[in-house]
Amino acid sequence: MTPHRAMSLEATAGKNPVTHVGKLYNLLALRVSRRLADDLGAEHAGVQLLSQIGAPVSEPQAADVVTTVGDAAAVEAVLEEELAAVGDLTEDLIAGRVDTF
């Protein structure tokens, strides 16, 4: 585990693409960061997601986003859209359309 570090030591290969939050949150954080850069022009975007035992993957206990984007509502909208699309991420993983490193 690497709390409050801009990296993950989570091995993604072979992990369950439906419920393994280490795998999914790592890739979701990357997707959110890329969208903040591509869609909102962020020069920096760091995303950390904290899971909660028993909660759906789409509902992290906490989400911490540090970015140069000044529009908090736009940042929250991107985060919420990506969390809502976690099922699409799972399908993309299973189909081999997502690089896991």
PDB file of N, CA and C in Angstrom:
ATOM      1  N   MET A   1       0.836  -1.185   0.000  1.00  0.00           N
ATOM      2  CA  MET A   1       0.000   0.000   0.000  1.00  0.00           C
ATOM      3  C   MET A   1       0.876   1.241   0.000  1.00  0.00           C
ATOM      4  N   THR A   2       0.425   2.258  -0.695  1.00  0.00           N
ATOM      5  CA  THR A   2       1.178   3.498  -0.784  1.00  0.00           C
ATOM      6  C   THR A   2       0.270   4.686  -0.474  1.00  0.00           C
ATOM      7  N   PRO A   3      -0.134   4.850   0.775  1.00  0.00           N
ATOM      8  CA  PRO A   3      -1.052   5.942   1.095  1.00  0.00           C
ATOM      9  C   PRO A   3      -0.424   7.305   0.816  1.00  0.00           C
ATOM     10  N   HIS A   4      -1.211   8.168   0.222  1.00  0.00           N
ATOM     11  CA  HIS A   4      -0.826   9.539  -0.133  1.00  0.00           C
ATOM     12  C   HIS A   4       0.441   9.615  -0.954  1.00  0.00           C
ATOM     13  N   ARG A   5       0.618   8.665  -1.847  1.00  0.00           N
ATOM     14  CA  ARG A   5       1.724   8.675  -2.805  1.00  0.00           C
ATOM     15  C   ARG A   5       1.112   8.615  -4.201  1.00  0.00           C
ATOM     16  N   ALA A   6       1.711   9.319  -5.109  1.00  0.00           N
ATOM     17  CA  ALA A   6       1.172   9.369  -6.474  1.00  0.00           C
ATOM     18  C   ALA A   6       1.588   8.142  -7.270  1.00  0.00           C
ATOM     19  N   MET A   7       1.266   6.966  -6.737  1.00  0.00           N
ATOM     20  CA  MET A   7       1.615   5.717  -7.406  1.00  0.00           C
ATOM     21  C   MET A   7       0.818   4.581  -6.784  1.00  0.00           C
ATOM     22  N   SER A   8       0.919   3.439  -7.355  1.00  0.00           N
ATOM     23  CA  SER A   8       0.316   2.250  -6.788  1.00  0.00           C
ATOM     24  C   SER A   8       1.293   1.093  -6.930  1.00  0.00           C
ATOM     25  N   LEU A   9       1.414   0.315  -5.910  1.00  0.00           N
ATOM     26  CA  LEU A   9       2.224  -0.890  -5.978  1.00  0.00           C
ATOM     27  C   LEU A   9       1.348  -2.113  -6.224  1.00  0.00           C
ATOM     28  N   GLU A  10       0.073  -1.864  -6.500  1.00  0.00           N
ATOM     29  CA  GLU A  10      -0.887  -2.932  -6.726  1.00  0.00           C
ATOM     30  C   GLU A  10      -0.569  -3.647  -8.031  1.00  0.00           C
ATOM     31  N   ALA A  11      -0.397  -4.948  -7.965  1.00  0.00           N
ATOM     32  CA  ALA A  11      -0.207  -5.753  -9.176  1.00  0.00           C
ATOM     33  C   ALA A  11      -1.568  -5.916  -9.834  1.00  0.00           C
ATOM     34  N   THR A  12      -1.703  -5.467 -11.068  1.00  0.00           N
ATOM     35  CA  THR A  12      -3.015  -5.488 -11.702  1.00  0.00           C
ATOM     36  C   THR A  12      -3.293  -6.765 -12.485  1.00  0.00           C
ATOM     37  N   ALA A  13      -2.281  -7.420 -12.945  1.00  0.00           N
ATOM     38  CA  ALA A  13      -2.488  -8.626 -13.748  1.00  0.00           C
ATOM     39  C   ALA A  13      -3.107  -9.736 -12.909  1.00  0.00           C
ATOM     40  N   GLY A  14      -4.129 -10.374 -13.458  1.00  0.00           N
ATOM     41  CA  GLY A  14      -4.742 -11.518 -12.796  1.00  0.00           C
ATOM     42  C   GLY A  14      -5.742 -11.180 -11.715  1.00  0.00           C
ATOM     43  N   LYS A  15      -5.963  -9.923 -11.439  1.00  0.00           N
ATOM     44  CA  LYS A  15      -6.928  -9.536 -10.400  1.00  0.00           C
ATOM     45  C   LYS A  15      -8.335  -9.512 -10.991  1.00  0.00           C
ATOM     46  N   ASN A  16      -9.322  -9.717 -10.128  1.00  0.00           N
ATOM     47  CA  ASN A  16     -10.714  -9.745 -10.539  1.00  0.00           C
ATOM     48  C   ASN A  16     -11.122  -8.363 -11.077  1.00  0.00           C
ATOM     49  N   PRO A  17     -11.501  -8.253 -12.358  1.00  0.00           N
ATOM     50  CA  PRO A  17     -11.843  -6.953 -12.929  1.00  0.00           C
ATOM     51  C   PRO A  17     -13.237  -6.460 -12.562  1.00  0.00           C
ATOM     52  N   VAL A  18     -13.944  -7.192 -11.710  1.00  0.00           N
ATOM     53  CA  VAL A  18     -15.285  -6.786 -11.301  1.00  0.00           C
ATOM     54  C   VAL A  18     -15.271  -6.182  -9.905  1.00  0.00           C
ATOM     55  N   THR A  19     -14.520  -6.783  -8.994  1.00  0.00           N
ATOM     56  CA  THR A  19     -14.600  -6.339  -7.601  1.00  0.00           C
ATOM     57  C   THR A  19     -13.260  -6.020  -6.951  1.00  0.00           C
ATOM     58  N   HIS A  20     -12.150  -6.185  -7.623  1.00  0.00           N
ATOM     59  CA  HIS A  20     -10.861  -5.911  -6.986  1.00  0.00           C
ATOM     60  C   HIS A  20     -10.606  -4.408  -7.013  1.00  0.00           C
ATOM     61  N   VAL A  21     -10.863  -3.744  -5.883  1.00  0.00           N
ATOM     62  CA  VAL A  21     -10.793  -2.289  -5.859  1.00  0.00           C
ATOM     63  C   VAL A  21      -9.380  -1.765  -6.087  1.00  0.00           C
ATOM     64  N   GLY A  22      -8.362  -2.513  -5.707  1.00  0.00           N
ATOM     65  CA  GLY A  22      -6.996  -2.067  -5.965  1.00  0.00           C
ATOM     66  C   GLY A  22      -6.755  -1.890  -7.448  1.00  0.00           C
ATOM     67  N   LYS A  23      -7.248  -2.833  -8.231  1.00  0.00           N
ATOM     68  CA  LYS A  23      -7.114  -2.771  -9.688  1.00  0.00           C
ATOM     69  C   LYS A  23      -8.010  -1.683 -10.267  1.00  0.00           C
ATOM     70  N   LEU A  24      -9.273  -1.715  -9.907  1.00  0.00           N
ATOM     71  CA  LEU A  24     -10.239  -0.794 -10.492  1.00  0.00           C
ATOM     72  C   LEU A  24      -9.977   0.656 -10.092  1.00  0.00           C
ATOM     73  N   TYR A  25      -9.685   0.900  -8.819  1.00  0.00           N
ATOM     74  CA  TYR A  25      -9.468   2.286  -8.383  1.00  0.00           C
ATOM     75  C   TYR A  25      -8.192   2.866  -8.978  1.00  0.00           C
ATOM     76  N   ASN A  26      -7.181   2.055  -9.153  1.00  0.00           N
ATOM     77  CA  ASN A  26      -5.963   2.531  -9.790  1.00  0.00           C
ATOM     78  C   ASN A  26      -6.261   2.998 -11.219  1.00  0.00           C
ATOM     79  N   LEU A  27      -7.000   2.188 -11.952  1.00  0.00           N
ATOM     80  CA  LEU A  27      -7.334   2.536 -13.332  1.00  0.00           C
ATOM     81  C   LEU A  27      -8.356   3.671 -13.407  1.00  0.00           C
ATOM     82  N   LEU A  28      -9.302   3.702 -12.474  1.00  0.00           N
ATOM     83  CA  LEU A  28     -10.261   4.805 -12.441  1.00  0.00           C
ATOM     84  C   LEU A  28      -9.558   6.128 -12.139  1.00  0.00           C
ATOM     85  N   ALA A  29      -8.630   6.115 -11.201  1.00  0.00           N
ATOM     86  CA  ALA A  29      -7.891   7.333 -10.864  1.00  0.00           C
ATOM     87  C   ALA A  29      -7.116   7.836 -12.082  1.00  0.00           C
ATOM     88  N   LEU A  30      -6.532   6.913 -12.826  1.00  0.00           N
ATOM     89  CA  LEU A  30      -5.812   7.284 -14.039  1.00  0.00           C
ATOM     90  C   LEU A  30      -6.765   7.891 -15.072  1.00  0.00           C
ATOM     91  N   ARG A  31      -7.942   7.285 -15.236  1.00  0.00           N
ATOM     92  CA  ARG A  31      -8.925   7.808 -16.191  1.00  0.00           C
ATOM     93  C   ARG A  31      -9.393   9.207 -15.797  1.00  0.00           C
ATOM     94  N   VAL A  32      -9.659   9.410 -14.508  1.00  0.00           N
ATOM     95  CA  VAL A  32     -10.099  10.728 -14.043  1.00  0.00           C
ATOM     96  C   VAL A  32      -8.998  11.754 -14.282  1.00  0.00           C
ATOM     97  N   SER A  33      -7.772  11.409 -13.931  1.00  0.00           N
ATOM     98  CA  SER A  33      -6.647  12.328 -14.126  1.00  0.00           C
ATOM     99  C   SER A  33      -6.474  12.697 -15.591  1.00  0.00           C
ATOM    100  N   ARG A  34      -6.571  11.708 -16.466  1.00  0.00           N
ATOM    101  CA  ARG A  34      -6.430  11.982 -17.903  1.00  0.00           C
ATOM    102  C   ARG A  34      -7.544  12.871 -18.423  1.00  0.00           C
ATOM    103  N   ARG A  35      -8.764  12.631 -17.952  1.00  0.00           N
ATOM    104  CA  ARG A  35      -9.881  13.486 -18.388  1.00  0.00           C
ATOM    105  C   ARG A  35      -9.718  14.908 -17.874  1.00  0.00           C
ATOM    106  N   LEU A  36      -9.225  15.060 -16.645  1.00  0.00           N
ATOM    107  CA  LEU A  36      -9.013  16.403 -16.117  1.00  0.00           C
ATOM    108  C   LEU A  36      -7.985  17.145 -16.965  1.00  0.00           C
ATOM    109  N   ALA A  37      -6.974  16.434 -17.408  1.00  0.00           N
ATOM    110  CA  ALA A  37      -5.956  17.050 -18.268  1.00  0.00           C
ATOM    111  C   ALA A  37      -6.506  17.315 -19.670  1.00  0.00           C
ATOM    112  N   ASP A  38      -7.120  16.312 -20.270  1.00  0.00           N
ATOM    113  CA  ASP A  38      -7.575  16.424 -21.658  1.00  0.00           C
ATOM    114  C   ASP A  38      -8.801  17.326 -21.809  1.00  0.00           C
ATOM    115  N   ASP A  39      -9.778  17.161 -20.927  1.00  0.00           N
ATOM    116  CA  ASP A  39     -11.047  17.879 -21.072  1.00  0.00           C
ATOM    117  C   ASP A  39     -11.037  19.256 -20.409  1.00  0.00           C
ATOM    118  N   LEU A  40     -10.321  19.372 -19.275  1.00  0.00           N
ATOM    119  CA  LEU A  40     -10.366  20.620 -18.508  1.00  0.00           C
ATOM    120  C   LEU A  40      -9.038  21.360 -18.473  1.00  0.00           C
ATOM    121  N   GLY A  41      -8.029  20.827 -19.138  1.00  0.00           N
ATOM    122  CA  GLY A  41      -6.753  21.520 -19.242  1.00  0.00           C
ATOM    123  C   GLY A  41      -5.897  21.513 -17.991  1.00  0.00           C
ATOM    124  N   ALA A  42      -6.073  20.538 -17.131  1.00  0.00           N
ATOM    125  CA  ALA A  42      -5.275  20.474 -15.906  1.00  0.00           C
ATOM    126  C   ALA A  42      -3.799  20.276 -16.232  1.00  0.00           C
ATOM    127  N   GLU A  43      -2.956  21.044 -15.589  1.00  0.00           N
ATOM    128  CA  GLU A  43      -1.517  20.837 -15.699  1.00  0.00           C
ATOM    129  C   GLU A  43      -1.062  19.766 -14.719  1.00  0.00           C
ATOM    130  N   HIS A  44      -1.833  19.580 -13.655  1.00  0.00           N
ATOM    131  CA  HIS A  44      -1.570  18.542 -12.655  1.00  0.00           C
ATOM    132  C   HIS A  44      -2.903  17.969 -12.202  1.00  0.00           C
ATOM    133  N   ALA A  45      -2.957  16.678 -12.032  1.00  0.00           N
ATOM    134  CA  ALA A  45      -4.162  16.032 -11.512  1.00  0.00           C
ATOM    135  C   ALA A  45      -3.747  14.761 -10.781  1.00  0.00           C
ATOM    136  N   GLY A  46      -3.996  14.725  -9.499  1.00  0.00           N
ATOM    137  CA  GLY A  46      -3.740  13.537  -8.690  1.00  0.00           C
ATOM    138  C   GLY A  46      -5.041  13.070  -8.064  1.00  0.00           C
ATOM    139  N   VAL A  47      -5.347  11.793  -8.187  1.00  0.00           N
ATOM    140  CA  VAL A  47      -6.615  11.260  -7.708  1.00  0.00           C
ATOM    141  C   VAL A  47      -6.338  10.058  -6.803  1.00  0.00           C
ATOM    142  N   GLN A  48      -6.948  10.065  -5.621  1.00  0.00           N
ATOM    143  CA  GLN A  48      -6.839   8.935  -4.699  1.00  0.00           C
ATOM    144  C   GLN A  48      -8.245   8.509  -4.299  1.00  0.00           C
ATOM    145  N   LEU A  49      -8.497   7.208  -4.356  1.00  0.00           N
ATOM    146  CA  LEU A  49      -9.800   6.661  -4.012  1.00  0.00           C
ATOM    147  C   LEU A  49      -9.637   5.651  -2.885  1.00  0.00           C
ATOM    148  N   LEU A  50     -10.528   5.715  -1.923  1.00  0.00           N
ATOM    149  CA  LEU A  50     -10.489   4.813  -0.768  1.00  0.00           C
ATOM    150  C   LEU A  50     -11.740   3.959  -0.756  1.00  0.00           C
ATOM    151  N   SER A  51     -11.564   2.658  -0.777  1.00  0.00           N
ATOM    152  CA  SER A  51     -12.710   1.751  -0.788  1.00  0.00           C
ATOM    153  C   SER A  51     -13.258   1.553   0.622  1.00  0.00           C
ATOM    154  N   GLN A  52     -14.445   0.990   0.665  1.00  0.00           N
ATOM    155  CA  GLN A  52     -15.089   0.652   1.936  1.00  0.00           C
ATOM    156  C   GLN A  52     -15.629  -0.757   1.820  1.00  0.00           C
ATOM    157  N   ILE A  53     -15.254  -1.610   2.743  1.00  0.00           N
ATOM    158  CA  ILE A  53     -15.713  -3.004   2.717  1.00  0.00           C
ATOM    159  C   ILE A  53     -17.233  -3.033   2.707  1.00  0.00           C
ATOM    160  N   GLY A  54     -17.791  -3.774   1.769  1.00  0.00           N
ATOM    161  CA  GLY A  54     -19.235  -3.934   1.665  1.00  0.00           C
ATOM    162  C   GLY A  54     -19.924  -2.900   0.806  1.00  0.00           C
ATOM    163  N   ALA A  55     -19.223  -1.831   0.439  1.00  0.00           N
ATOM    164  CA  ALA A  55     -19.830  -0.789  -0.399  1.00  0.00           C
ATOM    165  C   ALA A  55     -19.580  -1.111  -1.867  1.00  0.00           C
ATOM    166  N   PRO A  56     -20.480  -0.668  -2.743  1.00  0.00           N
ATOM    167  CA  PRO A  56     -20.247  -0.867  -4.170  1.00  0.00           C
ATOM    168  C   PRO A  56     -18.959  -0.173  -4.608  1.00  0.00           C
ATOM    169  N   VAL A  57     -18.309  -0.720  -5.616  1.00  0.00           N
ATOM    170  CA  VAL A  57     -17.064  -0.140  -6.126  1.00  0.00           C
ATOM    171  C   VAL A  57     -17.302   1.288  -6.604  1.00  0.00           C
ATOM    172  N   SER A  58     -18.489   1.566  -7.085  1.00  0.00           N
ATOM    173  CA  SER A  58     -18.810   2.898  -7.596  1.00  0.00           C
ATOM    174  C   SER A  58     -19.034   3.924  -6.487  1.00  0.00           C
ATOM    175  N   GLU A  59     -18.952   3.497  -5.228  1.00  0.00           N
ATOM    176  CA  GLU A  59     -19.177   4.397  -4.095  1.00  0.00           C
ATOM    177  C   GLU A  59     -18.003   4.321  -3.121  1.00  0.00           C
ATOM    178  N   PRO A  60     -16.876   4.973  -3.463  1.00  0.00           N
ATOM    179  CA  PRO A  60     -15.735   4.940  -2.541  1.00  0.00           C
ATOM    180  C   PRO A  60     -16.063   5.660  -1.234  1.00  0.00           C
ATOM    181  N   GLN A  61     -15.382   5.268  -0.181  1.00  0.00           N
ATOM    182  CA  GLN A  61     -15.582   5.939   1.100  1.00  0.00           C
ATOM    183  C   GLN A  61     -15.075   7.382   1.018  1.00  0.00           C
ATOM    184  N   ALA A  62     -13.990   7.574   0.276  1.00  0.00           N
ATOM    185  CA  ALA A  62     -13.429   8.918   0.105  1.00  0.00           C
ATOM    186  C   ALA A  62     -12.775   9.018  -1.258  1.00  0.00           C
ATOM    187  N   ALA A  63     -12.787  10.228  -1.787  1.00  0.00           N
ATOM    188  CA  ALA A  63     -12.101  10.534  -3.040  1.00  0.00           C
ATOM    189  C   ALA A  63     -11.369  11.854  -2.824  1.00  0.00           C
ATOM    190  N   ASP A  64     -10.083  11.858  -3.100  1.00  0.00           N
ATOM    191  CA  ASP A  64      -9.259  13.051  -2.940  1.00  0.00           C
ATOM    192  C   ASP A  64      -8.675  13.408  -4.296  1.00  0.00           C
ATOM    193  N   VAL A  65      -9.010  14.596  -4.786  1.00  0.00           N
ATOM    194  CA  VAL A  65      -8.513  15.056  -6.083  1.00  0.00           C
ATOM    195  C   VAL A  65      -7.732  16.345  -5.850  1.00  0.00           C
ATOM    196  N   VAL A  66      -6.471  16.337  -6.272  1.00  0.00           N
ATOM    197  CA  VAL A  66      -5.628  17.526  -6.218  1.00  0.00           C
ATOM    198  C   VAL A  66      -5.306  17.885  -7.657  1.00  0.00           C
ATOM    199  N   THR A  67      -5.721  19.084  -8.057  1.00  0.00           N
ATOM    200  CA  THR A  67      -5.567  19.464  -9.453  1.00  0.00           C
ATOM    201  C   THR A  67      -5.417  20.970  -9.604  1.00  0.00           C
ATOM    202  N   THR A  68      -4.930  21.370 -10.748  1.00  0.00           N
ATOM    203  CA  THR A  68      -4.812  22.790 -11.067  1.00  0.00           C
ATOM    204  C   THR A  68      -6.094  23.350 -11.674  1.00  0.00           C
ATOM    205  N   VAL A  69      -7.100  22.507 -11.889  1.00  0.00           N
ATOM    206  CA  VAL A  69      -8.385  22.962 -12.423  1.00  0.00           C
ATOM    207  C   VAL A  69      -9.098  23.752 -11.329  1.00  0.00           C
ATOM    208  N   GLY A  70      -9.533  24.949 -11.657  1.00  0.00           N
ATOM    209  CA  GLY A  70     -10.166  25.815 -10.672  1.00  0.00           C
ATOM    210  C   GLY A  70     -11.656  25.602 -10.501  1.00  0.00           C
ATOM    211  N   ASP A  71     -12.282  24.888 -11.403  1.00  0.00           N
ATOM    212  CA  ASP A  71     -13.724  24.679 -11.374  1.00  0.00           C
ATOM    213  C   ASP A  71     -14.046  23.377 -10.637  1.00  0.00           C
ATOM    214  N   ALA A  72     -14.326  23.486  -9.341  1.00  0.00           N
ATOM    215  CA  ALA A  72     -14.566  22.304  -8.503  1.00  0.00           C
ATOM    216  C   ALA A  72     -15.765  21.498  -8.992  1.00  0.00           C
ATOM    217  N   ALA A  73     -16.795  22.165  -9.479  1.00  0.00           N
ATOM    218  CA  ALA A  73     -17.982  21.459  -9.961  1.00  0.00           C
ATOM    219  C   ALA A  73     -17.648  20.611 -11.189  1.00  0.00           C
ATOM    220  N   ALA A  74     -16.808  21.129 -12.068  1.00  0.00           N
ATOM    221  CA  ALA A  74     -16.414  20.371 -13.259  1.00  0.00           C
ATOM    222  C   ALA A  74     -15.565  19.162 -12.871  1.00  0.00           C
ATOM    223  N   VAL A  75     -14.685  19.340 -11.889  1.00  0.00           N
ATOM    224  CA  VAL A  75     -13.851  18.228 -11.409  1.00  0.00           C
ATOM    225  C   VAL A  75     -14.735  17.148 -10.798  1.00  0.00           C
ATOM    226  N   GLU A  76     -15.696  17.562  -9.973  1.00  0.00           N
ATOM    227  CA  GLU A  76     -16.603  16.601  -9.338  1.00  0.00           C
ATOM    228  C   GLU A  76     -17.439  15.869 -10.381  1.00  0.00           C
ATOM    229  N   ALA A  77     -17.861  16.571 -11.417  1.00  0.00           N
ATOM    230  CA  ALA A  77     -18.659  15.946 -12.479  1.00  0.00           C
ATOM    231  C   ALA A  77     -17.858  14.856 -13.192  1.00  0.00           C
ATOM    232  N   VAL A  78     -16.591  15.134 -13.488  1.00  0.00           N
ATOM    233  CA  VAL A  78     -15.743  14.122 -14.135  1.00  0.00           C
ATOM    234  C   VAL A  78     -15.588  12.913 -13.223  1.00  0.00           C
ATOM    235  N   LEU A  79     -15.312  13.148 -11.950  1.00  0.00           N
ATOM    236  CA  LEU A  79     -15.159  12.046 -10.992  1.00  0.00           C
ATOM    237  C   LEU A  79     -16.431  11.213 -10.913  1.00  0.00           C
ATOM    238  N   GLU A  80     -17.575  11.859 -10.787  1.00  0.00           N
ATOM    239  CA  GLU A  80     -18.845  11.135 -10.688  1.00  0.00           C
ATOM    240  C   GLU A  80     -19.154  10.346 -11.958  1.00  0.00           C
ATOM    241  N   GLU A  81     -18.854  10.920 -13.122  1.00  0.00           N
ATOM    242  CA  GLU A  81     -19.095  10.214 -14.388  1.00  0.00           C
ATOM    243  C   GLU A  81     -18.238   8.957 -14.480  1.00  0.00           C
ATOM    244  N   GLU A  82     -16.982   9.068 -14.105  1.00  0.00           N
ATOM    245  CA  GLU A  82     -16.094   7.908 -14.182  1.00  0.00           C
ATOM    246  C   GLU A  82     -16.477   6.834 -13.159  1.00  0.00           C
ATOM    247  N   LEU A  83     -16.875   7.239 -11.962  1.00  0.00           N
ATOM    248  CA  LEU A  83     -17.319   6.255 -10.968  1.00  0.00           C
ATOM    249  C   LEU A  83     -18.593   5.550 -11.432  1.00  0.00           C
ATOM    250  N   ALA A  84     -19.489   6.297 -12.039  1.00  0.00           N
ATOM    251  CA  ALA A  84     -20.732   5.703 -12.537  1.00  0.00           C
ATOM    252  C   ALA A  84     -20.473   4.735 -13.688  1.00  0.00           C
ATOM    253  N   ALA A  85     -19.358   4.924 -14.386  1.00  0.00           N
ATOM    254  CA  ALA A  85     -19.036   4.077 -15.543  1.00  0.00           C
ATOM    255  C   ALA A  85     -18.079   2.945 -15.182  1.00  0.00           C
ATOM    256  N   VAL A  86     -17.987   2.578 -13.912  1.00  0.00           N
ATOM    257  CA  VAL A  86     -17.058   1.512 -13.518  1.00  0.00           C
ATOM    258  C   VAL A  86     -17.404   0.196 -14.209  1.00  0.00           C
ATOM    259  N   GLY A  87     -18.658  -0.014 -14.517  1.00  0.00           N
ATOM    260  CA  GLY A  87     -19.054  -1.216 -15.254  1.00  0.00           C
ATOM    261  C   GLY A  87     -18.454  -1.242 -16.649  1.00  0.00           C
ATOM    262  N   ASP A  88     -18.384  -0.082 -17.283  1.00  0.00           N
ATOM    263  CA  ASP A  88     -17.754   0.009 -18.603  1.00  0.00           C
ATOM    264  C   ASP A  88     -16.270  -0.309 -18.507  1.00  0.00           C
ATOM    265  N   LEU A  89     -15.629   0.171 -17.436  1.00  0.00           N
ATOM    266  CA  LEU A  89     -14.207  -0.125 -17.233  1.00  0.00           C
ATOM    267  C   LEU A  89     -14.000  -1.627 -17.082  1.00  0.00           C
ATOM    268  N   THR A  90     -14.850  -2.275 -16.329  1.00  0.00           N
ATOM    269  CA  THR A  90     -14.761  -3.725 -16.154  1.00  0.00           C
ATOM    270  C   THR A  90     -14.892  -4.437 -17.499  1.00  0.00           C
ATOM    271  N   GLU A  91     -15.868  -4.024 -18.303  1.00  0.00           N
ATOM    272  CA  GLU A  91     -16.050  -4.633 -19.626  1.00  0.00           C
ATOM    273  C   GLU A  91     -14.826  -4.400 -20.505  1.00  0.00           C
ATOM    274  N   ASP A  92     -14.262  -3.197 -20.449  1.00  0.00           N
ATOM    275  CA  ASP A  92     -13.063  -2.893 -21.233  1.00  0.00           C
ATOM    276  C   ASP A  92     -11.882  -3.755 -20.795  1.00  0.00           C
ATOM    277  N   LEU A  93     -11.760  -3.981 -19.493  1.00  0.00           N
ATOM    278  CA  LEU A  93     -10.687  -4.841 -18.978  1.00  0.00           C
ATOM    279  C   LEU A  93     -10.838  -6.268 -19.482  1.00  0.00           C
ATOM    280  N   ILE A  94     -12.036  -6.791 -19.377  1.00  0.00           N
ATOM    281  CA  ILE A  94     -12.300  -8.167 -19.801  1.00  0.00           C
ATOM    282  C   ILE A  94     -12.052  -8.335 -21.301  1.00  0.00           C
ATOM    283  N   ALA A  95     -12.390  -7.306 -22.081  1.00  0.00           N
ATOM    284  CA  ALA A  95     -12.205  -7.363 -23.530  1.00  0.00           C
ATOM    285  C   ALA A  95     -10.773  -7.049 -23.965  1.00  0.00           C
ATOM    286  N   GLY A  96      -9.926  -6.661 -23.015  1.00  0.00           N
ATOM    287  CA  GLY A  96      -8.543  -6.356 -23.343  1.00  0.00           C
ATOM    288  C   GLY A  96      -8.323  -4.993 -23.958  1.00  0.00           C
ATOM    289  N   ARG A  97      -9.282  -4.078 -23.759  1.00  0.00           N
ATOM    290  CA  ARG A  97      -9.171  -2.738 -24.344  1.00  0.00           C
ATOM    291  C   ARG A  97      -8.488  -1.731 -23.429  1.00  0.00           C
ATOM    292  N   VAL A  98      -8.055  -2.171 -22.235  1.00  0.00           N
ATOM    293  CA  VAL A  98      -7.418  -1.278 -21.283  1.00  0.00           C
ATOM    294  C   VAL A  98      -6.035  -1.798 -20.956  1.00  0.00           C
ATOM    295  N   ASP A  99      -5.050  -0.919 -21.075  1.00  0.00           N
ATOM    296  CA  ASP A  99      -3.689  -1.275 -20.661  1.00  0.00           C
ATOM    297  C   ASP A  99      -3.623  -1.191 -19.143  1.00  0.00           C
ATOM    298  N   THR A 100      -3.060  -2.212 -18.532  1.00  0.00           N
ATOM    299  CA  THR A 100      -2.950  -2.200 -17.060  1.00  0.00           C
ATOM    300  C   THR A 100      -1.526  -1.902 -16.620  1.00  0.00           C
ATOM    301  N   PHE A 101      -0.694  -1.433 -17.512  1.00  0.00           N
ATOM    302  CA  PHE A 101       0.666  -0.937 -17.290  1.00  0.00           C
ATOM    303  C   PHE A 101       1.553  -1.361 -18.403  1.00  0.00           C
TER     304      PHE A 101
END
